[in-house]
C-alpha atoms as a PDB file:
ATOM      1  CA  UNK A   1       0.437  36.984 -17.142  1.00  0.00           C
ATOM      2  CA  UNK A   2       2.759  35.945 -14.323  1.00  0.00           C
ATOM      3  CA  UNK A   3       4.797  32.836 -14.916  1.00  0.00           C
ATOM      4  CA  UNK A   4       3.663  29.847 -12.863  1.00  0.00           C
ATOM      5  CA  UNK A   5       5.982  26.990 -12.016  1.00  0.00           C
ATOM      6  CA  UNK A   6       5.786  23.696 -13.868  1.00  0.00           C
ATOM      7  CA  UNK A   7       7.020  21.822 -10.776  1.00  0.00           C
ATOM      8  CA  UNK A   8       5.795  22.152  -7.185  1.00  0.00           C
ATOM      9  CA  UNK A   9       7.934  22.374  -4.046  1.00  0.00           C
ATOM     10  CA  UNK A  10       8.000  18.564  -3.776  1.00  0.00           C
ATOM     11  CA  UNK A  11       9.266  18.082  -7.377  1.00  0.00           C
ATOM     12  CA  UNK A  12       5.874  16.981  -8.740  1.00  0.00           C
ATOM     13  CA  UNK A  13       4.688  18.105 -12.171  1.00  0.00           C
ATOM     14  CA  UNK A  14       2.251  20.970 -11.648  1.00  0.00           C
ATOM     15  CA  UNK A  15       0.377  21.202 -14.937  1.00  0.00           C
ATOM     16  CA  UNK A  16      -3.088  20.028 -13.876  1.00  0.00           C
ATOM     17  CA  UNK A  17      -4.230  23.527 -12.948  1.00  0.00           C
ATOM     18  CA  UNK A  18      -3.250  24.742 -16.413  1.00  0.00           C
ATOM     19  CA  UNK A  19      -5.071  21.856 -18.075  1.00  0.00           C
ATOM     20  CA  UNK A  20      -8.203  22.579 -16.027  1.00  0.00           C
ATOM     21  CA  UNK A  21      -8.220  26.083 -17.535  1.00  0.00           C
ATOM     22  CA  UNK A  22      -8.610  24.648 -21.048  1.00  0.00           C
ATOM     23  CA  UNK A  23     -12.328  25.081 -21.650  1.00  0.00           C
ATOM     24  CA  UNK A  24     -12.386  22.623 -24.569  1.00  0.00           C
ATOM     25  CA  UNK A  25     -10.715  20.018 -22.340  1.00  0.00           C
ATOM     26  CA  UNK A  26     -13.157  20.370 -19.464  1.00  0.00           C
ATOM     27  CA  UNK A  27     -16.124  20.331 -21.869  1.00  0.00           C
ATOM     28  CA  UNK A  28     -14.776  17.187 -23.533  1.00  0.00           C
ATOM     29  CA  UNK A  29     -14.480  15.427 -20.175  1.00  0.00           C
ATOM     30  CA  UNK A  30     -17.894  16.519 -18.913  1.00  0.00           C
ATOM     31  CA  UNK A  31     -19.670  13.374 -20.142  1.00  0.00           C
ATOM     32  CA  UNK A  32     -16.836  11.037 -19.122  1.00  0.00           C
ATOM     33  CA  UNK A  33     -16.095  10.015 -22.707  1.00  0.00           C
ATOM     34  CA  UNK A  34     -13.761  11.392 -25.355  1.00  0.00           C
ATOM     35  CA  UNK A  35     -15.113  10.933 -28.866  1.00  0.00           C
ATOM     36  CA  UNK A  36     -13.078  10.984 -32.086  1.00  0.00           C
ATOM     37  CA  UNK A  37     -14.048  14.602 -32.861  1.00  0.00           C
ATOM     38  CA  UNK A  38     -12.915  15.805 -29.428  1.00  0.00           C
ATOM     39  CA  UNK A  39      -9.644  13.925 -29.829  1.00  0.00           C
ATOM     40  CA  UNK A  40      -9.147  15.398 -33.316  1.00  0.00           C
ATOM     41  CA  UNK A  41      -9.780  18.911 -31.936  1.00  0.00           C
ATOM     42  CA  UNK A  42      -7.202  18.343 -29.221  1.00  0.00           C
ATOM     43  CA  UNK A  43      -4.710  17.127 -31.815  1.00  0.00           C
ATOM     44  CA  UNK A  44      -5.357  20.284 -33.866  1.00  0.00           C
ATOM     45  CA  UNK A  45      -4.793  22.401 -30.742  1.00  0.00           C
ATOM     46  CA  UNK A  46      -1.548  20.557 -30.022  1.00  0.00           C
ATOM     47  CA  UNK A  47      -0.250  20.971 -33.575  1.00  0.00           C
ATOM     48  CA  UNK A  48      -1.129  24.697 -33.547  1.00  0.00           C
ATOM     49  CA  UNK A  49       0.664  25.198 -30.212  1.00  0.00           C
ATOM     50  CA  UNK A  50       3.719  23.310 -31.467  1.00  0.00           C
ATOM     51  CA  UNK A  51       3.830  25.347 -34.689  1.00  0.00           C
ATOM     52  CA  UNK A  52       3.492  28.596 -32.721  1.00  0.00           C
ATOM     53  CA  UNK A  53       6.588  27.754 -30.671  1.00  0.00           C
ATOM     54  CA  UNK A  54       8.840  25.589 -32.830  1.00  0.00           C
ATOM     55  CA  UNK A  55      10.030  28.224 -35.305  1.00  0.00           C
ATOM     56  CA  UNK A  56      10.892  30.629 -32.460  1.00  0.00           C
ATOM     57  CA  UNK A  57      13.292  28.191 -30.785  1.00  0.00           C
ATOM     58  CA  UNK A  58      17.026  28.111 -31.206  1.00  0.00           C
ATOM     59  CA  UNK A  59      18.463  24.685 -32.009  1.00  0.00           C
ATOM     60  CA  UNK A  60      19.503  24.294 -28.352  1.00  0.00           C
ATOM     61  CA  UNK A  61      16.054  25.225 -27.039  1.00  0.00           C
ATOM     62  CA  UNK A  62      14.373  23.073 -29.696  1.00  0.00           C
ATOM     63  CA  UNK A  63      16.322  20.069 -28.445  1.00  0.00           C
ATOM     64  CA  UNK A  64      15.346  20.809 -24.832  1.00  0.00           C
ATOM     65  CA  UNK A  65      11.657  21.350 -25.637  1.00  0.00           C
ATOM     66  CA  UNK A  66      11.610  18.186 -27.770  1.00  0.00           C
ATOM     67  CA  UNK A  67      13.016  16.240 -24.813  1.00  0.00           C
ATOM     68  CA  UNK A  68      10.384  17.831 -22.542  1.00  0.00           C
ATOM     69  CA  UNK A  69       7.528  16.911 -24.892  1.00  0.00           C
ATOM     70  CA  UNK A  70       8.765  13.345 -25.293  1.00  0.00           C
ATOM     71  CA  UNK A  71       9.220  12.839 -21.532  1.00  0.00           C
ATOM     72  CA  UNK A  72       5.793  14.372 -20.858  1.00  0.00           C
ATOM     73  CA  UNK A  73       4.172  12.081 -23.418  1.00  0.00           C
ATOM     74  CA  UNK A  74       5.926   9.015 -21.966  1.00  0.00           C
ATOM     75  CA  UNK A  75       4.861  10.021 -18.441  1.00  0.00           C
ATOM     76  CA  UNK A  76       1.240  10.520 -19.498  1.00  0.00           C
ATOM     77  CA  UNK A  77       1.070   7.127 -21.233  1.00  0.00           C
ATOM     78  CA  UNK A  78       2.699   5.388 -18.270  1.00  0.00           C
ATOM     79  CA  UNK A  79       0.408   7.193 -15.807  1.00  0.00           C
ATOM     80  CA  UNK A  80      -2.723   6.144 -17.733  1.00  0.00           C
ATOM     81  CA  UNK A  81      -1.529   2.537 -18.008  1.00  0.00           C
ATOM     82  CA  UNK A  82      -0.675   2.455 -14.302  1.00  0.00           C
ATOM     83  CA  UNK A  83      -4.115   3.827 -13.431  1.00  0.00           C
ATOM     84  CA  UNK A  84      -5.793   1.201 -15.607  1.00  0.00           C
ATOM     85  CA  UNK A  85      -3.764  -1.576 -13.971  1.00  0.00           C
ATOM     86  CA  UNK A  86      -4.638  -0.353 -10.480  1.00  0.00           C
ATOM     87  CA  UNK A  87      -8.316  -0.215 -11.417  1.00  0.00           C
ATOM     88  CA  UNK A  88      -8.161  -3.753 -12.852  1.00  0.00           C
ATOM     89  CA  UNK A  89      -6.723  -5.027  -9.571  1.00  0.00           C
ATOM     90  CA  UNK A  90      -9.410  -3.197  -7.565  1.00  0.00           C
ATOM     91  CA  UNK A  91     -12.129  -4.738  -9.735  1.00  0.00           C
ATOM     92  CA  UNK A  92     -10.609  -8.203  -9.409  1.00  0.00           C
ATOM     93  CA  UNK A  93     -10.573  -7.923  -5.616  1.00  0.00           C
ATOM     94  CA  UNK A  94     -14.257  -6.907  -5.369  1.00  0.00           C
END
């Protein structure tokens, strides 16, 4: 498989297309709700992916990937909270 960039030409994270290829993700979103079982399955998938990579990393790469995962998690939380705040304002204006 050819490597695809994580960042587009305008320095934006470019992971959405990869996420959309996760069949379990798209099935979970199909009804617009994520239940506890779907969330648990995603956590299991995350843990399996982390285990598959972690032991292969040198200490230097482990530090870099840890930083990447932490920054990605912080970005995702902030993005969701921002989206919720924007939606709250839209609803208040209506």
